[in-house]
């Protein structure tokens, strides 16, 4: 059994060959996964990932009523695309993936290193185009290099600017980190904001048996799982190496996601979440409390 367990932990789908145009980016001191992720980023989406999106995108709808509004111009679907979504719970990645598929996007998600290191799920996510983000480590910069390779080959990259599940007590997006803004400026591509609400009712924040309870309750209650794809955020007046511009881009992204979230929360209190998850901490601050975005922010 121990031998079987070791084989399960070591299993991973066969990656595509490393294309010559990115092979020079791999050095002897890079982590072993870096070459795999570069090869995947520079290759067309995995057939199995496209198969799952096409034939099993109905699965999240078992736990709620999916509603997708907005769209992406057809001429943009060839890529590259950077999409920024607010993060409200563990279930929202499934909701966003299905919403993006409905919009014609084959998403490649940026994910924390912990998820990517897990057996089975981590290798599958990596092969589906997941980009490992090892925050606070000396290999954190590798995420930028993999993302640049994906964008250079027309990839559709989805990132959570907040870097975690949002913890503002009113539920509005936090200002987040500047990583996505820096990637957008470096790649000279606009960012498409993706606002979403309702997925936080499906799985509670804390990882214990309560997750199963909330999952079953969502199956019975069928909460509305709302996703809105907003107009792109442009940065023509900003420069990647100018002081303060990454922060300005970050603020614009947070503002765009917040604006798109306002109609999704219609009928709810602006100063608090209508659905309260008692396991979710509330010690952060929203970028725009109450969902109020000043008019002078582009």
C-alpha atoms as a PDB file:
ATOM      1  CA  UNK A   1       0.000   0.000   0.000  1.00  0.00           C
ATOM      2  CA  UNK A   2       2.880   2.335   0.761  1.00  0.00           C
ATOM      3  CA  UNK A   3       4.246   1.682  -2.736  1.00  0.00           C
ATOM      4  CA  UNK A   4       0.851   2.457  -4.263  1.00  0.00           C
ATOM      5  CA  UNK A   5       0.595   5.624  -2.199  1.00  0.00           C
ATOM      6  CA  UNK A   6       4.017   6.737  -3.385  1.00  0.00           C
ATOM      7  CA  UNK A   7       3.057   6.127  -7.012  1.00  0.00           C
ATOM      8  CA  UNK A   8      -0.156   8.108  -6.557  1.00  0.00           C
ATOM      9  CA  UNK A   9       1.727  11.022  -5.038  1.00  0.00           C
ATOM     10  CA  UNK A  10       4.319  10.937  -7.823  1.00  0.00           C
ATOM     11  CA  UNK A  11       1.819  10.616 -10.694  1.00  0.00           C
ATOM     12  CA  UNK A  12       1.373  13.422 -13.172  1.00  0.00           C
ATOM     13  CA  UNK A  13       0.158  13.678 -16.772  1.00  0.00           C
ATOM     14  CA  UNK A  14       2.869  13.757 -19.412  1.00  0.00           C
ATOM     15  CA  UNK A  15       3.685  17.389 -20.242  1.00  0.00           C
ATOM     16  CA  UNK A  16       4.191  18.583 -23.820  1.00  0.00           C
ATOM     17  CA  UNK A  17       7.758  18.971 -25.111  1.00  0.00           C
ATOM     18  CA  UNK A  18       9.517  22.229 -24.248  1.00  0.00           C
ATOM     19  CA  UNK A  19       9.358  24.512 -27.319  1.00  0.00           C
ATOM     20  CA  UNK A  20      12.638  25.935 -28.544  1.00  0.00           C
ATOM     21  CA  UNK A  21      11.467  29.541 -28.167  1.00  0.00           C
ATOM     22  CA  UNK A  22      11.186  29.197 -24.369  1.00  0.00           C
ATOM     23  CA  UNK A  23      13.810  26.523 -23.663  1.00  0.00           C
ATOM     24  CA  UNK A  24      16.492  29.175 -23.130  1.00  0.00           C
ATOM     25  CA  UNK A  25      14.548  30.513 -20.132  1.00  0.00           C
ATOM     26  CA  UNK A  26      15.261  27.376 -18.082  1.00  0.00           C
ATOM     27  CA  UNK A  27      18.451  27.472 -16.042  1.00  0.00           C
ATOM     28  CA  UNK A  28      20.234  24.812 -13.973  1.00  0.00           C
ATOM     29  CA  UNK A  29      19.113  26.378 -10.693  1.00  0.00           C
ATOM     30  CA  UNK A  30      15.421  26.582 -11.576  1.00  0.00           C
ATOM     31  CA  UNK A  31      12.955  24.292  -9.752  1.00  0.00           C
ATOM     32  CA  UNK A  32      12.077  21.033 -11.504  1.00  0.00           C
ATOM     33  CA  UNK A  33       8.524  22.151 -12.239  1.00  0.00           C
ATOM     34  CA  UNK A  34       9.540  25.327 -14.069  1.00  0.00           C
ATOM     35  CA  UNK A  35      10.360  23.656 -17.391  1.00  0.00           C
ATOM     36  CA  UNK A  36       7.050  21.733 -17.288  1.00  0.00           C
ATOM     37  CA  UNK A  37       5.013  24.861 -16.659  1.00  0.00           C
ATOM     38  CA  UNK A  38       6.810  26.761 -19.412  1.00  0.00           C
ATOM     39  CA  UNK A  39       6.154  23.929 -21.861  1.00  0.00           C
ATOM     40  CA  UNK A  40       2.467  23.841 -20.896  1.00  0.00           C
ATOM     41  CA  UNK A  41       2.153  27.641 -21.056  1.00  0.00           C
ATOM     42  CA  UNK A  42       3.646  27.720 -24.559  1.00  0.00           C
ATOM     43  CA  UNK A  43       1.417  24.897 -25.858  1.00  0.00           C
ATOM     44  CA  UNK A  44      -2.263  24.808 -26.858  1.00  0.00           C
ATOM     45  CA  UNK A  45      -4.736  24.019 -24.056  1.00  0.00           C
ATOM     46  CA  UNK A  46      -4.733  20.376 -22.965  1.00  0.00           C
ATOM     47  CA  UNK A  47      -7.374  18.316 -24.777  1.00  0.00           C
ATOM     48  CA  UNK A  48      -8.607  16.810 -21.510  1.00  0.00           C
ATOM     49  CA  UNK A  49      -9.125  20.247 -19.963  1.00  0.00           C
ATOM     50  CA  UNK A  50     -11.136  21.343 -23.012  1.00  0.00           C
ATOM     51  CA  UNK A  51     -13.088  18.073 -22.801  1.00  0.00           C
ATOM     52  CA  UNK A  52     -13.994  18.729 -19.155  1.00  0.00           C
ATOM     53  CA  UNK A  53     -15.062  22.307 -19.871  1.00  0.00           C
ATOM     54  CA  UNK A  54     -17.211  21.233 -22.795  1.00  0.00           C
ATOM     55  CA  UNK A  55     -18.969  18.214 -21.329  1.00  0.00           C
ATOM     56  CA  UNK A  56     -18.945  18.769 -17.556  1.00  0.00           C
ATOM     57  CA  UNK A  57     -19.477  22.511 -17.206  1.00  0.00           C
ATOM     58  CA  UNK A  58     -22.951  21.730 -15.848  1.00  0.00           C
ATOM     59  CA  UNK A  59     -21.548  20.313 -12.601  1.00  0.00           C
ATOM     60  CA  UNK A  60     -21.285  23.605 -10.622  1.00  0.00           C
ATOM     61  CA  UNK A  61     -24.934  24.267 -11.475  1.00  0.00           C
ATOM     62  CA  UNK A  62     -25.879  21.380  -9.185  1.00  0.00           C
ATOM     63  CA  UNK A  63     -25.145  23.697  -6.259  1.00  0.00           C
ATOM     64  CA  UNK A  64     -26.609  26.951  -7.548  1.00  0.00           C
ATOM     65  CA  UNK A  65     -28.164  28.877 -10.410  1.00  0.00           C
ATOM     66  CA  UNK A  66     -25.375  30.115 -12.673  1.00  0.00           C
ATOM     67  CA  UNK A  67     -25.975  33.515 -14.260  1.00  0.00           C
ATOM     68  CA  UNK A  68     -23.364  34.993 -16.618  1.00  0.00           C
ATOM     69  CA  UNK A  69     -23.595  38.529 -17.998  1.00  0.00           C
ATOM     70  CA  UNK A  70     -21.251  40.523 -20.175  1.00  0.00           C
ATOM     71  CA  UNK A  71     -19.027  39.166 -22.912  1.00  0.00           C
ATOM     72  CA  UNK A  72     -15.610  39.318 -24.531  1.00  0.00           C
ATOM     73  CA  UNK A  73     -15.320  40.684 -28.085  1.00  0.00           C
ATOM     74  CA  UNK A  74     -14.946  37.710 -30.468  1.00  0.00           C
ATOM     75  CA  UNK A  75     -11.783  39.141 -32.015  1.00  0.00           C
ATOM     76  CA  UNK A  76     -10.134  39.085 -28.579  1.00  0.00           C
ATOM     77  CA  UNK A  77     -10.728  35.393 -27.980  1.00  0.00           C
ATOM     78  CA  UNK A  78      -7.622  34.404 -29.906  1.00  0.00           C
ATOM     79  CA  UNK A  79      -5.689  35.953 -27.026  1.00  0.00           C
ATOM     80  CA  UNK A  80      -3.690  36.941 -25.234  1.00  0.00           C
ATOM     81  CA  UNK A  81      -6.052  37.685 -22.348  1.00  0.00           C
ATOM     82  CA  UNK A  82      -5.505  38.648 -18.722  1.00  0.00           C
ATOM     83  CA  UNK A  83      -8.650  38.279 -16.633  1.00  0.00           C
ATOM     84  CA  UNK A  84      -8.911  39.517 -13.041  1.00  0.00           C
ATOM     85  CA  UNK A  85     -11.571  38.116 -10.700  1.00  0.00           C
ATOM     86  CA  UNK A  86     -12.509  38.841  -7.111  1.00  0.00           C
ATOM     87  CA  UNK A  87     -12.027  35.840  -4.819  1.00  0.00           C
ATOM     88  CA  UNK A  88     -14.921  35.089  -2.475  1.00  0.00           C
ATOM     89  CA  UNK A  89     -14.577  31.385  -1.631  1.00  0.00           C
ATOM     90  CA  UNK A  90     -13.185  27.982  -2.499  1.00  0.00           C
ATOM     91  CA  UNK A  91     -16.030  27.201  -4.920  1.00  0.00           C
ATOM     92  CA  UNK A  92     -15.681  30.278  -7.083  1.00  0.00           C
ATOM     93  CA  UNK A  93     -12.851  28.868  -9.220  1.00  0.00           C
ATOM     94  CA  UNK A  94     -15.279  26.276 -10.595  1.00  0.00           C
ATOM     95  CA  UNK A  95     -17.894  28.965 -11.207  1.00  0.00           C
ATOM     96  CA  UNK A  96     -15.421  31.278 -12.941  1.00  0.00           C
ATOM     97  CA  UNK A  97     -14.053  28.410 -15.074  1.00  0.00           C
ATOM     98  CA  UNK A  98     -17.529  27.567 -16.362  1.00  0.00           C
ATOM     99  CA  UNK A  99     -18.398  31.232 -16.907  1.00  0.00           C
ATOM    100  CA  UNK A 100     -15.207  31.748 -18.884  1.00  0.00           C
ATOM    101  CA  UNK A 101     -15.953  28.664 -20.983  1.00  0.00           C
ATOM    102  CA  UNK A 102     -19.396  30.067 -21.779  1.00  0.00           C
ATOM    103  CA  UNK A 103     -17.683  33.283 -22.878  1.00  0.00           C
ATOM    104  CA  UNK A 104     -15.372  31.378 -25.230  1.00  0.00           C
ATOM    105  CA  UNK A 105     -12.308  31.400 -22.984  1.00  0.00           C
ATOM    106  CA  UNK A 106     -10.118  28.411 -22.092  1.00  0.00           C
ATOM    107  CA  UNK A 107      -8.818  29.617 -18.712  1.00  0.00           C
ATOM    108  CA  UNK A 108      -5.372  29.045 -17.239  1.00  0.00           C
ATOM    109  CA  UNK A 109      -5.619  29.803 -13.515  1.00  0.00           C
ATOM    110  CA  UNK A 110      -2.896  31.223 -11.344  1.00  0.00           C
ATOM    111  CA  UNK A 111      -2.851  29.111  -8.169  1.00  0.00           C
ATOM    112  CA  UNK A 112      -0.962  28.973  -4.889  1.00  0.00           C
ATOM    113  CA  UNK A 113       1.954  26.613  -4.586  1.00  0.00           C
ATOM    114  CA  UNK A 114       0.211  24.580  -1.893  1.00  0.00           C
ATOM    115  CA  UNK A 115      -2.552  23.510  -4.265  1.00  0.00           C
ATOM    116  CA  UNK A 116      -0.059  22.735  -7.018  1.00  0.00           C
ATOM    117  CA  UNK A 117       1.920  20.464  -4.682  1.00  0.00           C
ATOM    118  CA  UNK A 118      -1.094  18.351  -3.706  1.00  0.00           C
ATOM    119  CA  UNK A 119      -1.297  14.821  -5.222  1.00  0.00           C
ATOM    120  CA  UNK A 120      -3.568  14.200  -8.234  1.00  0.00           C
ATOM    121  CA  UNK A 121      -5.303  17.611  -8.136  1.00  0.00           C
ATOM    122  CA  UNK A 122      -2.031  19.550  -8.349  1.00  0.00           C
ATOM    123  CA  UNK A 123      -0.642  17.704 -11.398  1.00  0.00           C
ATOM    124  CA  UNK A 124      -4.027  17.914 -13.141  1.00  0.00           C
ATOM    125  CA  UNK A 125      -4.250  21.639 -12.479  1.00  0.00           C
ATOM    126  CA  UNK A 126      -0.689  22.127 -13.698  1.00  0.00           C
ATOM    127  CA  UNK A 127      -1.344  20.190 -16.919  1.00  0.00           C
ATOM    128  CA  UNK A 128      -4.528  22.209 -17.476  1.00  0.00           C
ATOM    129  CA  UNK A 129      -2.383  25.339 -17.575  1.00  0.00           C
ATOM    130  CA  UNK A 130      -2.311  26.283 -13.901  1.00  0.00           C
ATOM    131  CA  UNK A 131       0.460  28.746 -13.061  1.00  0.00           C
ATOM    132  CA  UNK A 132       2.185  28.179  -9.721  1.00  0.00           C
ATOM    133  CA  UNK A 133       2.525  31.234  -7.456  1.00  0.00           C
ATOM    134  CA  UNK A 134       5.026  30.670  -4.633  1.00  0.00           C
ATOM    135  CA  UNK A 135       4.517  33.905  -2.708  1.00  0.00           C
ATOM    136  CA  UNK A 136       7.237  35.035  -0.368  1.00  0.00           C
ATOM    137  CA  UNK A 137       9.881  32.697  -1.814  1.00  0.00           C
ATOM    138  CA  UNK A 138      12.896  33.149  -4.045  1.00  0.00           C
ATOM    139  CA  UNK A 139      11.065  31.445  -6.923  1.00  0.00           C
ATOM    140  CA  UNK A 140       8.021  33.730  -6.845  1.00  0.00           C
ATOM    141  CA  UNK A 141       9.299  35.512  -9.977  1.00  0.00           C
ATOM    142  CA  UNK A 142       8.846  32.300 -11.956  1.00  0.00           C
ATOM    143  CA  UNK A 143       5.080  32.897 -12.043  1.00  0.00           C
ATOM    144  CA  UNK A 144       5.679  36.092 -14.016  1.00  0.00           C
ATOM    145  CA  UNK A 145       7.916  34.271 -16.503  1.00  0.00           C
ATOM    146  CA  UNK A 146       5.376  31.463 -17.023  1.00  0.00           C
ATOM    147  CA  UNK A 147       2.555  33.985 -17.412  1.00  0.00           C
ATOM    148  CA  UNK A 148       4.553  35.949 -19.970  1.00  0.00           C
ATOM    149  CA  UNK A 149       5.116  32.731 -21.936  1.00  0.00           C
ATOM    150  CA  UNK A 150       1.404  31.911 -21.802  1.00  0.00           C
ATOM    151  CA  UNK A 151       0.432  35.385 -23.000  1.00  0.00           C
ATOM    152  CA  UNK A 152       3.065  35.341 -25.740  1.00  0.00           C
ATOM    153  CA  UNK A 153       1.395  32.177 -27.075  1.00  0.00           C
ATOM    154  CA  UNK A 154      -2.148  33.581 -26.918  1.00  0.00           C
ATOM    155  CA  UNK A 155      -3.107  32.131 -23.539  1.00  0.00           C
ATOM    156  CA  UNK A 156      -6.111  33.147 -21.423  1.00  0.00           C
ATOM    157  CA  UNK A 157      -4.777  33.699 -17.889  1.00  0.00           C
ATOM    158  CA  UNK A 158      -7.149  34.171 -14.942  1.00  0.00           C
ATOM    159  CA  UNK A 159      -5.757  35.668 -11.731  1.00  0.00           C
ATOM    160  CA  UNK A 160      -7.120  36.759  -8.374  1.00  0.00           C
ATOM    161  CA  UNK A 161      -5.553  40.182  -7.663  1.00  0.00           C
ATOM    162  CA  UNK A 162      -6.348  39.848  -3.952  1.00  0.00           C
ATOM    163  CA  UNK A 163      -4.123  36.777  -3.748  1.00  0.00           C
ATOM    164  CA  UNK A 164      -6.524  35.051  -1.363  1.00  0.00           C
ATOM    165  CA  UNK A 165     -10.205  34.882  -0.457  1.00  0.00           C
ATOM    166  CA  UNK A 166     -11.277  38.457   0.290  1.00  0.00           C
ATOM    167  CA  UNK A 167     -11.662  39.135   3.994  1.00  0.00           C
ATOM    168  CA  UNK A 168     -13.266  42.587   4.053  1.00  0.00           C
ATOM    169  CA  UNK A 169     -16.320  42.553   6.371  1.00  0.00           C
ATOM    170  CA  UNK A 170     -18.533  44.160   3.719  1.00  0.00           C
ATOM    171  CA  UNK A 171     -17.448  41.635   1.053  1.00  0.00           C
ATOM    172  CA  UNK A 172     -16.183  44.177  -1.478  1.00  0.00           C
ATOM    173  CA  UNK A 173     -12.838  43.392  -3.164  1.00  0.00           C
ATOM    174  CA  UNK A 174      -9.610  44.353  -1.461  1.00  0.00           C
ATOM    175  CA  UNK A 175      -7.054  46.470  -3.306  1.00  0.00           C
ATOM    176  CA  UNK A 176      -4.946  43.363  -3.630  1.00  0.00           C
ATOM    177  CA  UNK A 177      -1.368  42.875  -4.683  1.00  0.00           C
ATOM    178  CA  UNK A 178       0.401  44.600  -7.530  1.00  0.00           C
ATOM    179  CA  UNK A 179       1.571  41.401  -9.262  1.00  0.00           C
ATOM    180  CA  UNK A 180      -1.245  41.244 -11.810  1.00  0.00           C
ATOM    181  CA  UNK A 181      -0.894  44.960 -12.559  1.00  0.00           C
ATOM    182  CA  UNK A 182       2.839  44.520 -13.156  1.00  0.00           C
ATOM    183  CA  UNK A 183       2.194  41.579 -15.481  1.00  0.00           C
ATOM    184  CA  UNK A 184      -0.362  43.590 -17.455  1.00  0.00           C
ATOM    185  CA  UNK A 185       2.036  46.518 -17.835  1.00  0.00           C
ATOM    186  CA  UNK A 186       4.979  44.277 -18.774  1.00  0.00           C
ATOM    187  CA  UNK A 187       2.961  42.344 -21.360  1.00  0.00           C
ATOM    188  CA  UNK A 188       1.227  45.492 -22.645  1.00  0.00           C
ATOM    189  CA  UNK A 189      -2.216  43.872 -22.539  1.00  0.00           C
ATOM    190  CA  UNK A 190      -5.478  45.157 -21.048  1.00  0.00           C
ATOM    191  CA  UNK A 191      -7.146  43.419 -18.131  1.00  0.00           C
ATOM    192  CA  UNK A 192     -10.706  42.113 -18.329  1.00  0.00           C
ATOM    193  CA  UNK A 193     -12.444  42.395 -14.934  1.00  0.00           C
ATOM    194  CA  UNK A 194     -14.565  39.448 -13.808  1.00  0.00           C
ATOM    195  CA  UNK A 195     -16.923  40.198 -10.929  1.00  0.00           C
ATOM    196  CA  UNK A 196     -18.680  37.327  -9.197  1.00  0.00           C
ATOM    197  CA  UNK A 197     -20.994  36.765  -6.254  1.00  0.00           C
ATOM    198  CA  UNK A 198     -22.811  33.867  -4.622  1.00  0.00           C
ATOM    199  CA  UNK A 199     -20.150  31.147  -4.701  1.00  0.00           C
ATOM    200  CA  UNK A 200     -19.234  31.980  -1.086  1.00  0.00           C
ATOM    201  CA  UNK A 201     -22.532  30.361  -0.060  1.00  0.00           C
ATOM    202  CA  UNK A 202     -21.533  26.940  -1.392  1.00  0.00           C
ATOM    203  CA  UNK A 203     -18.402  26.176   0.651  1.00  0.00           C
ATOM    204  CA  UNK A 204     -17.543  27.709   4.009  1.00  0.00           C
ATOM    205  CA  UNK A 205     -14.155  29.344   4.549  1.00  0.00           C
ATOM    206  CA  UNK A 206     -12.652  26.951   7.096  1.00  0.00           C
ATOM    207  CA  UNK A 207     -11.499  23.511   5.925  1.00  0.00           C
ATOM    208  CA  UNK A 208     -13.413  21.083   8.121  1.00  0.00           C
ATOM    209  CA  UNK A 209     -16.552  18.948   7.913  1.00  0.00           C
ATOM    210  CA  UNK A 210     -18.594  22.151   7.782  1.00  0.00           C
ATOM    211  CA  UNK A 211     -17.671  22.389   4.116  1.00  0.00           C
ATOM    212  CA  UNK A 212     -19.788  19.315   3.419  1.00  0.00           C
ATOM    213  CA  UNK A 213     -22.670  20.813   5.389  1.00  0.00           C
ATOM    214  CA  UNK A 214     -22.628  24.062   3.397  1.00  0.00           C
ATOM    215  CA  UNK A 215     -22.276  22.106   0.135  1.00  0.00           C
ATOM    216  CA  UNK A 216     -25.394  20.072   0.911  1.00  0.00           C
ATOM    217  CA  UNK A 217     -27.256  23.188   1.996  1.00  0.00           C
ATOM    218  CA  UNK A 218     -26.377  24.905  -1.278  1.00  0.00           C
ATOM    219  CA  UNK A 219     -27.659  21.864  -3.178  1.00  0.00           C
ATOM    220  CA  UNK A 220     -30.993  22.384  -1.407  1.00  0.00           C
ATOM    221  CA  UNK A 221     -31.128  26.205  -1.433  1.00  0.00           C
ATOM    222  CA  UNK A 222     -29.709  26.774  -4.945  1.00  0.00           C
ATOM    223  CA  UNK A 223     -28.101  30.204  -4.398  1.00  0.00           C
ATOM    224  CA  UNK A 224     -27.597  32.478  -7.384  1.00  0.00           C
ATOM    225  CA  UNK A 225     -24.046  32.158  -8.722  1.00  0.00           C
ATOM    226  CA  UNK A 226     -23.549  35.423 -10.569  1.00  0.00           C
ATOM    227  CA  UNK A 227     -20.634  36.307 -12.851  1.00  0.00           C
ATOM    228  CA  UNK A 228     -20.215  39.522 -14.811  1.00  0.00           C
ATOM    229  CA  UNK A 229     -17.542  40.098 -17.452  1.00  0.00           C
ATOM    230  CA  UNK A 230     -16.836  43.806 -17.578  1.00  0.00           C
ATOM    231  CA  UNK A 231     -15.262  46.074 -20.191  1.00  0.00           C
ATOM    232  CA  UNK A 232     -11.454  45.893 -20.426  1.00  0.00           C
ATOM    233  CA  UNK A 233      -9.234  48.123 -18.334  1.00  0.00           C
ATOM    234  CA  UNK A 234      -6.577  49.868 -20.409  1.00  0.00           C
ATOM    235  CA  UNK A 235      -3.220  51.220 -19.292  1.00  0.00           C
ATOM    236  CA  UNK A 236      -1.953  53.186 -22.309  1.00  0.00           C
ATOM    237  CA  UNK A 237      -0.935  56.113 -20.104  1.00  0.00           C
ATOM    238  CA  UNK A 238       1.070  53.923 -17.703  1.00  0.00           C
ATOM    239  CA  UNK A 239       4.578  52.479 -17.949  1.00  0.00           C
ATOM    240  CA  UNK A 240       5.928  49.284 -16.352  1.00  0.00           C
ATOM    241  CA  UNK A 241       9.092  50.946 -15.005  1.00  0.00           C
ATOM    242  CA  UNK A 242       7.645  54.255 -13.815  1.00  0.00           C
ATOM    243  CA  UNK A 243       7.272  54.683 -10.068  1.00  0.00           C
ATOM    244  CA  UNK A 244       3.650  54.490  -8.938  1.00  0.00           C
ATOM    245  CA  UNK A 245       2.184  53.191 -12.189  1.00  0.00           C
ATOM    246  CA  UNK A 246       1.814  49.605 -10.950  1.00  0.00           C
ATOM    247  CA  UNK A 247      -0.178  50.931  -8.004  1.00  0.00           C
ATOM    248  CA  UNK A 248      -2.324  53.039 -10.321  1.00  0.00           C
ATOM    249  CA  UNK A 249      -3.012  49.978 -12.486  1.00  0.00           C
ATOM    250  CA  UNK A 250      -3.848  47.929  -9.392  1.00  0.00           C
ATOM    251  CA  UNK A 251      -6.337  50.567  -8.260  1.00  0.00           C
ATOM    252  CA  UNK A 252      -8.011  50.638 -11.687  1.00  0.00           C
ATOM    253  CA  UNK A 253      -8.384  46.854 -11.657  1.00  0.00           C
ATOM    254  CA  UNK A 254      -9.962  46.884  -8.185  1.00  0.00           C
ATOM    255  CA  UNK A 255     -12.277  49.708  -9.270  1.00  0.00           C
ATOM    256  CA  UNK A 256     -13.410  47.831 -12.391  1.00  0.00           C
ATOM    257  CA  UNK A 257     -14.152  44.633 -10.451  1.00  0.00           C
ATOM    258  CA  UNK A 258     -16.044  46.635  -7.813  1.00  0.00           C
ATOM    259  CA  UNK A 259     -18.137  48.445 -10.423  1.00  0.00           C
ATOM    260  CA  UNK A 260     -19.109  45.122 -11.996  1.00  0.00           C
ATOM    261  CA  UNK A 261     -20.003  43.692  -8.602  1.00  0.00           C
ATOM    262  CA  UNK A 262     -22.475  46.450  -7.693  1.00  0.00           C
ATOM    263  CA  UNK A 263     -25.385  45.149  -9.831  1.00  0.00           C
ATOM    264  CA  UNK A 264     -24.687  41.568  -8.742  1.00  0.00           C
ATOM    265  CA  UNK A 265     -25.294  42.627  -5.127  1.00  0.00           C
ATOM    266  CA  UNK A 266     -28.434  44.629  -5.855  1.00  0.00           C
ATOM    267  CA  UNK A 267     -30.921  44.311  -2.994  1.00  0.00           C
ATOM    268  CA  UNK A 268     -28.220  43.483  -0.441  1.00  0.00           C
ATOM    269  CA  UNK A 269     -26.816  45.870   2.190  1.00  0.00           C
ATOM    270  CA  UNK A 270     -23.779  47.716   0.837  1.00  0.00           C
ATOM    271  CA  UNK A 271     -22.033  47.817   4.208  1.00  0.00           C
ATOM    272  CA  UNK A 272     -22.212  44.092   5.029  1.00  0.00           C
ATOM    273  CA  UNK A 273     -22.693  40.687   3.429  1.00  0.00           C
ATOM    274  CA  UNK A 274     -26.250  39.350   3.359  1.00  0.00           C
ATOM    275  CA  UNK A 275     -24.937  35.800   3.689  1.00  0.00           C
ATOM    276  CA  UNK A 276     -22.684  35.502   6.723  1.00  0.00           C
ATOM    277  CA  UNK A 277     -20.132  32.707   6.979  1.00  0.00           C
ATOM    278  CA  UNK A 278     -19.179  32.586  10.680  1.00  0.00           C
ATOM    279  CA  UNK A 279     -15.900  30.789   9.861  1.00  0.00           C
ATOM    280  CA  UNK A 280     -14.649  33.560   7.561  1.00  0.00           C
ATOM    281  CA  UNK A 281     -12.332  36.172   9.143  1.00  0.00           C
ATOM    282  CA  UNK A 282     -13.197  39.826   8.538  1.00  0.00           C
ATOM    283  CA  UNK A 283     -10.015  41.708   9.341  1.00  0.00           C
ATOM    284  CA  UNK A 284      -9.231  43.244   5.944  1.00  0.00           C
ATOM    285  CA  UNK A 285     -10.318  46.477   4.266  1.00  0.00           C
ATOM    286  CA  UNK A 286     -12.052  46.793   0.928  1.00  0.00           C
ATOM    287  CA  UNK A 287     -10.451  48.921  -1.769  1.00  0.00           C
ATOM    288  CA  UNK A 288     -13.736  50.787  -2.092  1.00  0.00           C
ATOM    289  CA  UNK A 289     -15.883  50.247   1.029  1.00  0.00           C
ATOM    290  CA  UNK A 290     -19.557  49.936   0.304  1.00  0.00           C
ATOM    291  CA  UNK A 291     -18.823  49.496  -3.388  1.00  0.00           C
ATOM    292  CA  UNK A 292     -18.466  53.252  -3.920  1.00  0.00           C
ATOM    293  CA  UNK A 293     -15.859  53.984  -6.590  1.00  0.00           C
ATOM    294  CA  UNK A 294     -14.883  57.653  -7.058  1.00  0.00           C
ATOM    295  CA  UNK A 295     -15.637  59.131 -10.455  1.00  0.00           C
ATOM    296  CA  UNK A 296     -12.049  60.284 -10.950  1.00  0.00           C
ATOM    297  CA  UNK A 297     -10.719  56.701 -11.184  1.00  0.00           C
ATOM    298  CA  UNK A 298     -10.565  55.627 -14.870  1.00  0.00           C
END
